[in-house]
Amino acid sequence: MKKSLVSISSWLIALWLLGACHKSPTPDSMVSELEKAFPATTAETGGAASAVSNPTPTAAVDALVQTALTAARANDYAGGVIALQTAQERPGITANQVEVVQRAKQALIADLQRRAGNGDQQALAQLKAIERTRSQ
């Protein structure tokens, strides 16, 4: 009996530790990850300005990520997700960047879903806007 209690306790502790280590990313943490994955978006000469003067595939992706970062900082998560969806489809994006973009989209959408579930009508409207872009 004593041995089974120790075993159950050990399993509960292990499950708790696994749950604590695997926290869902937040929109704020994903903004930071995007900035690290796309350093040109935070440089003074990078972002949308360089996309106009240097229309390379990488500059176009950087400009879209800059748009997404600006939208996310303004709590326009739908605008951020839509810009990231477009960036993800462009040439010039690396595999690592695609992974970061995907996680960022998931974090923004998860936050919108949580807020919509709590009755936030603005979050619900943003989710509907994202869904409209997916159905086109």
C-alpha atoms as a PDB file:
ATOM      1  CA  MET A   1       0.000   0.000   0.000  1.00  0.00           C
ATOM      2  CA  LYS A   2       2.788   2.382   0.965  1.00  0.00           C
ATOM      3  CA  LYS A   3       4.680   1.563  -2.225  1.00  0.00           C
ATOM      4  CA  SER A   4       1.654   2.324  -4.434  1.00  0.00           C
ATOM      5  CA  LEU A   5       1.147   5.716  -2.742  1.00  0.00           C
ATOM      6  CA  VAL A   6       4.770   6.616  -3.444  1.00  0.00           C
ATOM      7  CA  SER A   7       4.356   5.497  -7.039  1.00  0.00           C
ATOM      8  CA  ILE A   8       1.164   7.545  -7.504  1.00  0.00           C
ATOM      9  CA  SER A   9       2.799  10.563  -5.884  1.00  0.00           C
ATOM     10  CA  SER A  10       5.785  10.259  -8.190  1.00  0.00           C
ATOM     11  CA  TRP A  11       3.532  10.146 -11.247  1.00  0.00           C
ATOM     12  CA  LEU A  12       1.533  13.152 -10.097  1.00  0.00           C
ATOM     13  CA  ILE A  13       4.708  15.168  -9.538  1.00  0.00           C
ATOM     14  CA  ALA A  14       6.047  14.159 -12.952  1.00  0.00           C
ATOM     15  CA  LEU A  15       2.791  15.181 -14.652  1.00  0.00           C
ATOM     16  CA  TRP A  16       2.756  18.484 -12.802  1.00  0.00           C
ATOM     17  CA  LEU A  17       6.354  19.201 -13.865  1.00  0.00           C
ATOM     18  CA  LEU A  18       5.576  18.366 -17.481  1.00  0.00           C
ATOM     19  CA  GLY A  19       2.582  20.679 -17.430  1.00  0.00           C
ATOM     20  CA  ALA A  20       4.593  23.493 -15.854  1.00  0.00           C
ATOM     21  CA  CYS A  21       7.369  23.165 -18.413  1.00  0.00           C
ATOM     22  CA  HIS A  22       5.025  23.226 -21.403  1.00  0.00           C
ATOM     23  CA  LYS A  23       3.270  26.559 -21.074  1.00  0.00           C
ATOM     24  CA  SER A  24       1.502  27.938 -24.090  1.00  0.00           C
ATOM     25  CA  PRO A  25       3.277  30.870 -25.675  1.00  0.00           C
ATOM     26  CA  THR A  26       1.729  34.268 -25.052  1.00  0.00           C
ATOM     27  CA  PRO A  27       1.265  36.936 -27.706  1.00  0.00           C
ATOM     28  CA  ASP A  28       3.928  39.059 -25.977  1.00  0.00           C
ATOM     29  CA  SER A  29       6.473  36.231 -25.962  1.00  0.00           C
ATOM     30  CA  MET A  30       5.753  35.535 -29.619  1.00  0.00           C
ATOM     31  CA  VAL A  31       6.325  39.183 -30.550  1.00  0.00           C
ATOM     32  CA  SER A  32       9.742  38.836 -28.975  1.00  0.00           C
ATOM     33  CA  GLU A  33      10.405  35.573 -30.854  1.00  0.00           C
ATOM     34  CA  LEU A  34       9.368  37.158 -34.150  1.00  0.00           C
ATOM     35  CA  GLU A  35      11.749  40.053 -33.548  1.00  0.00           C
ATOM     36  CA  LYS A  36      14.589  37.584 -32.974  1.00  0.00           C
ATOM     37  CA  ALA A  37      13.723  35.460 -36.022  1.00  0.00           C
ATOM     38  CA  PHE A  38      13.388  38.521 -38.277  1.00  0.00           C
ATOM     39  CA  PRO A  39      16.102  40.936 -37.099  1.00  0.00           C
ATOM     40  CA  ALA A  40      15.656  43.241 -40.110  1.00  0.00           C
ATOM     41  CA  THR A  41      12.177  44.147 -38.848  1.00  0.00           C
ATOM     42  CA  THR A  42      13.617  45.830 -35.766  1.00  0.00           C
ATOM     43  CA  ALA A  43      16.600  47.506 -37.429  1.00  0.00           C
ATOM     44  CA  GLU A  44      16.279  51.221 -38.100  1.00  0.00           C
ATOM     45  CA  THR A  45      16.796  50.702 -41.827  1.00  0.00           C
ATOM     46  CA  GLY A  46      14.771  47.484 -42.009  1.00  0.00           C
ATOM     47  CA  GLY A  47      11.088  46.776 -42.211  1.00  0.00           C
ATOM     48  CA  ALA A  48       8.676  48.386 -44.617  1.00  0.00           C
ATOM     49  CA  ALA A  49      11.077  51.109 -45.748  1.00  0.00           C
ATOM     50  CA  SER A  50      13.626  48.606 -47.045  1.00  0.00           C
ATOM     51  CA  ALA A  51      10.903  46.617 -48.818  1.00  0.00           C
ATOM     52  CA  VAL A  52      10.182  49.658 -50.954  1.00  0.00           C
ATOM     53  CA  SER A  53      13.818  50.456 -51.733  1.00  0.00           C
ATOM     54  CA  ASN A  54      14.945  46.813 -51.963  1.00  0.00           C
ATOM     55  CA  PRO A  55      12.086  44.651 -53.251  1.00  0.00           C
ATOM     56  CA  THR A  56      13.739  41.275 -52.601  1.00  0.00           C
ATOM     57  CA  PRO A  57      11.685  38.291 -51.425  1.00  0.00           C
ATOM     58  CA  THR A  58      13.298  38.590 -47.977  1.00  0.00           C
ATOM     59  CA  ALA A  59      12.453  42.302 -47.758  1.00  0.00           C
ATOM     60  CA  ALA A  60       8.833  41.543 -48.644  1.00  0.00           C
ATOM     61  CA  VAL A  61       8.641  38.944 -45.854  1.00  0.00           C
ATOM     62  CA  ASP A  62      10.295  41.358 -43.409  1.00  0.00           C
ATOM     63  CA  ALA A  63       7.761  44.064 -44.309  1.00  0.00           C
ATOM     64  CA  LEU A  64       4.857  41.655 -43.674  1.00  0.00           C
ATOM     65  CA  VAL A  65       6.341  40.597 -40.329  1.00  0.00           C
ATOM     66  CA  GLN A  66       6.769  44.269 -39.408  1.00  0.00           C
ATOM     67  CA  THR A  67       3.096  44.802 -40.234  1.00  0.00           C
ATOM     68  CA  ALA A  68       2.193  41.808 -38.039  1.00  0.00           C
ATOM     69  CA  LEU A  69       4.315  43.106 -35.149  1.00  0.00           C
ATOM     70  CA  THR A  70       2.739  46.546 -35.360  1.00  0.00           C
ATOM     71  CA  ALA A  71      -0.747  45.007 -35.435  1.00  0.00           C
ATOM     72  CA  ALA A  72      -0.034  42.671 -32.503  1.00  0.00           C
ATOM     73  CA  ARG A  73       1.326  45.538 -30.391  1.00  0.00           C
ATOM     74  CA  ALA A  74      -1.918  47.440 -31.108  1.00  0.00           C
ATOM     75  CA  ASN A  75      -3.994  44.382 -30.068  1.00  0.00           C
ATOM     76  CA  ASP A  76      -5.116  43.896 -33.671  1.00  0.00           C
ATOM     77  CA  TYR A  77      -4.404  40.187 -33.534  1.00  0.00           C
ATOM     78  CA  ALA A  78      -6.459  39.490 -36.660  1.00  0.00           C
ATOM     79  CA  GLY A  79      -4.299  41.912 -38.639  1.00  0.00           C
ATOM     80  CA  GLY A  80      -1.203  40.244 -37.201  1.00  0.00           C
ATOM     81  CA  VAL A  81      -2.362  36.732 -38.074  1.00  0.00           C
ATOM     82  CA  ILE A  82      -3.385  37.752 -41.584  1.00  0.00           C
ATOM     83  CA  ALA A  83      -0.005  39.419 -42.225  1.00  0.00           C
ATOM     84  CA  LEU A  84       1.792  36.344 -40.869  1.00  0.00           C
ATOM     85  CA  GLN A  85      -0.283  34.039 -43.088  1.00  0.00           C
ATOM     86  CA  THR A  86       0.802  36.064 -46.105  1.00  0.00           C
ATOM     87  CA  ALA A  87       4.451  36.158 -44.980  1.00  0.00           C
ATOM     88  CA  GLN A  88       4.476  32.407 -44.523  1.00  0.00           C
ATOM     89  CA  GLU A  89       3.507  31.900 -48.173  1.00  0.00           C
ATOM     90  CA  ARG A  90       6.230  34.173 -49.603  1.00  0.00           C
ATOM     91  CA  PRO A  91       9.556  32.988 -50.984  1.00  0.00           C
ATOM     92  CA  GLY A  92      12.624  33.879 -48.960  1.00  0.00           C
ATOM     93  CA  ILE A  93      11.380  32.698 -45.573  1.00  0.00           C
ATOM     94  CA  THR A  94      13.536  30.098 -43.825  1.00  0.00           C
ATOM     95  CA  ALA A  95      12.290  26.909 -42.178  1.00  0.00           C
ATOM     96  CA  ASN A  96      13.074  28.335 -38.731  1.00  0.00           C
ATOM     97  CA  GLN A  97      11.156  31.503 -39.548  1.00  0.00           C
ATOM     98  CA  VAL A  98       8.169  29.469 -40.758  1.00  0.00           C
ATOM     99  CA  GLU A  99       8.167  27.649 -37.414  1.00  0.00           C
ATOM    100  CA  VAL A 100       8.276  30.920 -35.445  1.00  0.00           C
ATOM    101  CA  VAL A 101       5.515  32.416 -37.608  1.00  0.00           C
ATOM    102  CA  GLN A 102       3.355  29.335 -37.062  1.00  0.00           C
ATOM    103  CA  ARG A 103       3.807  29.490 -33.275  1.00  0.00           C
ATOM    104  CA  ALA A 104       3.067  33.219 -33.281  1.00  0.00           C
ATOM    105  CA  LYS A 105      -0.151  32.691 -35.234  1.00  0.00           C
ATOM    106  CA  GLN A 106      -1.185  29.942 -32.821  1.00  0.00           C
ATOM    107  CA  ALA A 107      -0.508  32.153 -29.786  1.00  0.00           C
ATOM    108  CA  LEU A 108      -2.487  35.068 -31.208  1.00  0.00           C
ATOM    109  CA  ILE A 109      -5.411  32.859 -32.215  1.00  0.00           C
ATOM    110  CA  ALA A 110      -5.400  31.044 -28.859  1.00  0.00           C
ATOM    111  CA  ASP A 111      -5.581  34.377 -27.039  1.00  0.00           C
ATOM    112  CA  LEU A 112      -8.461  35.499 -29.258  1.00  0.00           C
ATOM    113  CA  GLN A 113     -10.276  32.207 -28.658  1.00  0.00           C
ATOM    114  CA  ARG A 114      -9.802  32.522 -24.893  1.00  0.00           C
ATOM    115  CA  ARG A 115     -11.117  36.086 -24.917  1.00  0.00           C
ATOM    116  CA  ALA A 116     -14.033  35.206 -27.225  1.00  0.00           C
ATOM    117  CA  GLY A 117     -14.914  32.341 -24.899  1.00  0.00           C
ATOM    118  CA  ASN A 118     -15.139  34.878 -22.089  1.00  0.00           C
ATOM    119  CA  GLY A 119     -17.619  36.958 -24.084  1.00  0.00           C
ATOM    120  CA  ASP A 120     -15.251  39.471 -25.723  1.00  0.00           C
ATOM    121  CA  GLN A 121     -17.132  40.514 -28.864  1.00  0.00           C
ATOM    122  CA  GLN A 122     -14.105  42.259 -30.377  1.00  0.00           C
ATOM    123  CA  ALA A 123     -12.092  39.029 -30.115  1.00  0.00           C
ATOM    124  CA  LEU A 124     -14.947  37.127 -31.737  1.00  0.00           C
ATOM    125  CA  ALA A 125     -15.046  39.638 -34.597  1.00  0.00           C
ATOM    126  CA  GLN A 126     -11.289  39.269 -35.086  1.00  0.00           C
ATOM    127  CA  LEU A 127     -11.604  35.464 -35.220  1.00  0.00           C
ATOM    128  CA  LYS A 128     -14.304  35.830 -37.867  1.00  0.00           C
ATOM    129  CA  ALA A 129     -12.029  38.149 -39.890  1.00  0.00           C
ATOM    130  CA  ILE A 130      -9.258  35.542 -39.776  1.00  0.00           C
ATOM    131  CA  GLU A 131     -11.680  32.822 -40.829  1.00  0.00           C
ATOM    132  CA  ARG A 132     -12.840  34.892 -43.814  1.00  0.00           C
ATOM    133  CA  THR A 133      -9.255  35.113 -45.100  1.00  0.00           C
ATOM    134  CA  ARG A 134      -8.848  31.353 -44.813  1.00  0.00           C
ATOM    135  CA  SER A 135     -11.984  30.648 -46.809  1.00  0.00           C
ATOM    136  CA  GLN A 136     -10.986  32.818 -49.784  1.00  0.00           C
END
